[in-house]
Protein backbone atom coordinates (compact mmCIF):
# COMPACT_ATOMS: atom_id res chain seq x y z
CA MET A 1 13.10 1.86 3.84
CA ARG A 2 13.08 4.85 2.86
CA ASP A 3 13.25 8.20 4.70
CA ASP A 4 11.70 9.91 1.60
CA LEU A 5 8.08 7.17 1.40
CA ILE A 6 8.33 7.10 5.50
CA SER A 7 7.77 11.41 5.79
CA TYR A 8 5.24 11.47 2.71
CA THR A 9 3.34 9.66 4.59
CA LYS A 10 3.23 10.58 8.48
CA ARG A 11 2.76 13.86 6.56
CA LEU A 12 -0.73 12.26 5.98
CA VAL A 13 -1.33 10.72 8.97
CA ASP A 14 0.15 14.56 11.17
CA GLY A 15 -2.30 15.97 9.06
CA GLN A 16 -5.76 14.42 10.68
CA GLY A 17 -4.39 11.35 12.66
CA ARG A 18 -5.82 8.67 10.29
CA LEU A 19 -5.27 8.00 6.36
CA THR A 20 -8.31 7.52 4.49
CA TYR A 21 -8.40 4.74 1.13
CA SER A 22 -10.92 4.63 -1.58
CA PHE A 23 -10.79 3.26 -4.23
CA THR A 24 -11.94 4.06 -7.99
CA PRO A 25 -15.95 3.50 -8.82
CA GLY A 26 -16.60 0.66 -11.08
CA ASP A 27 -12.81 -0.42 -11.91
CA ILE A 28 -12.42 -3.12 -8.75
CA LEU A 29 -13.94 -6.78 -8.76
CA PRO A 30 -15.98 -6.48 -5.27
CA SER A 31 -14.31 -10.37 -4.07
CA PHE A 32 -10.56 -7.74 -4.67
CA LYS A 33 -11.81 -4.75 -3.33
CA ARG A 34 -12.79 -7.10 0.48
CA LYS A 35 -9.01 -8.81 -0.20
CA ILE A 36 -7.68 -5.40 -0.56
CA LYS A 37 -10.09 -4.15 3.31
CA GLU A 38 -8.77 -7.00 4.36
CA SER A 39 -5.51 -6.30 3.51
CA ILE A 40 -5.33 -3.26 5.48
CA ARG A 41 -7.79 -4.35 8.86
CA TYR A 42 -4.91 -6.92 9.24
CA ILE A 43 -2.16 -4.08 8.31
CA ASP A 44 -3.87 -1.56 10.77
CA SER A 45 -4.06 -3.92 13.51
CA ARG A 46 -0.42 -4.35 13.80
CA LEU A 47 0.68 -1.02 13.40
CA GLY A 48 -2.41 1.08 14.64
CA LEU A 49 -2.45 3.27 11.82
CA ASP A 50 -6.26 4.35 11.93
CA PHE A 51 -7.18 2.92 8.50
CA LYS A 52 -10.48 4.63 7.47
CA LYS A 53 -12.32 3.68 3.80
CA VAL A 54 -14.11 6.68 2.88
CA LYS A 55 -16.54 7.45 0.02
CA TYR A 56 -14.39 8.01 -4.17
CA SER A 57 -12.64 10.53 -3.22
CA ARG A 58 -10.10 12.74 -4.64
CA SER A 59 -8.84 14.31 -1.05
CA SER A 60 -8.05 10.19 0.27
CA ASP A 61 -4.72 10.15 1.16
CA ILE A 62 -4.93 6.69 -1.29
CA ILE A 63 -6.88 5.54 -4.31
CA ILE A 64 -7.43 2.77 -4.89
CA ILE A 65 -7.46 2.62 -8.89
CA GLY A 66 -8.17 -0.55 -11.01
CA TYR A 67 -6.43 1.21 -13.88
CA GLY A 68 -3.37 3.29 -14.68
CA ASP A 69 -0.62 4.01 -16.01
CA LEU A 70 1.46 1.53 -15.26
CA PRO A 71 5.39 0.78 -15.51
CA GLN A 72 6.20 -1.21 -18.63
CA GLY A 73 6.04 -5.59 -17.31
CA SER A 74 4.82 -3.75 -14.29
CA ASN A 75 1.40 -5.90 -12.15
CA GLY A 76 1.26 -2.96 -9.91
CA ALA A 77 2.57 0.65 -8.82
CA ALA A 78 2.71 2.64 -5.34
CA VAL A 79 2.20 6.04 -7.04
CA TRP A 80 2.88 9.76 -4.87
CA THR A 81 1.34 13.25 -5.90
CA ASP A 82 1.77 16.11 -3.58
CA ILE A 83 -1.13 15.80 -2.09
CA ARG A 84 -2.54 11.88 -1.77
CA TRP A 85 -0.86 7.83 -3.04
CA GLU A 86 -2.20 6.43 -5.77
CA ILE A 87 -2.03 1.92 -5.68
CA ARG A 88 -1.85 0.76 -9.48
CA PHE A 89 -3.53 -2.27 -11.14
CA PRO A 90 -4.11 -3.23 -14.83
CA VAL A 91 -7.65 -4.18 -15.48
CA ARG A 92 -6.56 -7.78 -15.40
CA TYR A 93 -4.61 -8.97 -13.29
CA TYR A 94 -5.62 -8.76 -9.40
CA GLY A 95 -3.66 -10.34 -6.68
CA ASP A 96 -3.78 -9.56 -3.50
CA TYR A 97 -0.41 -10.05 -2.34
CA ILE A 98 0.06 -7.79 -5.27
CA PHE A 99 -1.73 -4.83 -2.69
CA ARG A 100 0.28 -5.31 0.15
CA HIS A 101 3.52 -4.69 -2.38
CA GLU A 102 2.30 -1.54 -3.31
CA MET A 103 1.80 -0.81 0.16
CA GLY A 104 4.77 -0.87 1.53
CA HIS A 105 5.90 1.31 -0.81
CA VAL A 106 3.23 3.65 0.80
CA LEU A 107 4.76 2.62 3.99
CA GLY A 108 8.45 2.86 3.98
CA PHE A 109 9.86 0.53 1.75
CA ASP A 110 11.62 0.61 -1.19
CA HIS A 111 12.02 -2.34 -3.67
CA VAL A 112 14.66 -5.14 -2.34
CA PRO A 113 17.05 -7.31 -4.21
CA MET A 114 15.36 -9.80 -5.52
CA GLY A 115 16.19 -12.88 -4.01
CA SER A 116 15.39 -11.32 -0.79
CA LYS A 117 13.41 -12.78 2.44
CA SER A 118 10.77 -9.85 1.71
CA LEU A 119 7.25 -9.11 -0.32
CA MET A 120 9.10 -5.93 -1.49
CA ALA A 121 11.10 -8.20 -3.88
CA PRO A 122 10.77 -6.15 -7.52
CA GLY A 123 9.14 -9.47 -9.10
CA TRP A 124 7.45 -12.46 -7.79
CA ASN A 125 9.86 -13.98 -5.29
CA GLY A 126 7.15 -17.21 -4.27
CA TYR A 127 6.24 -13.94 -0.64
CA THR A 128 2.72 -13.28 -0.54
CA THR A 129 2.70 -11.22 2.69
CA PHE A 130 5.62 -9.10 4.85
CA THR A 131 7.70 -11.07 6.39
CA ARG A 132 8.32 -11.80 9.89
CA SER A 133 11.98 -9.37 9.02
CA ASP A 134 9.27 -6.32 7.32
CA TRP A 135 6.81 -6.83 10.33
CA ARG A 136 10.01 -5.21 12.16
CA GLN A 137 10.69 -2.78 9.91
CA LEU A 138 7.24 -2.28 9.75
CA GLU A 139 6.49 -1.84 13.41
CA ALA A 140 9.99 0.08 14.36
CA VAL A 141 9.32 3.02 11.78
CA TRP A 142 5.26 2.40 12.89
CA GLY A 143 4.59 1.18 15.92
CA THR A 144 4.91 3.81 18.84
CA GLU A 145 4.99 6.62 17.01
CA VAL A 146 2.00 7.30 15.37
């Protein structure tokens, strides 16, 4: 876990008691949006973070973008600015596990070494959701503090 990532997201939560998210208009398939919303609902149910979907707005805490600058060889990116998170995907490639990995960064995870039993490895390692160990760490940080 990285304190700077946790602190950044906690400041967003503390400011309004919830995390708002939105999708950029027109560039994410409806079926992928449904999977993302399901993932957010599940994370919310485990951590009690009160996520709220709002109409696209640059004032959202998290903007989910179906395009955007990505590091070379990357399938997704979670980028924070001074006012929000941006979760980015390449136009032609969507995977809900990539979204969950990027949400891990929003919630405080850094990458773990390849071969680790975690969704947070920097490349595909076979995990498509947070592992039991991941959840224990997330619940320790978020479970009772929000």
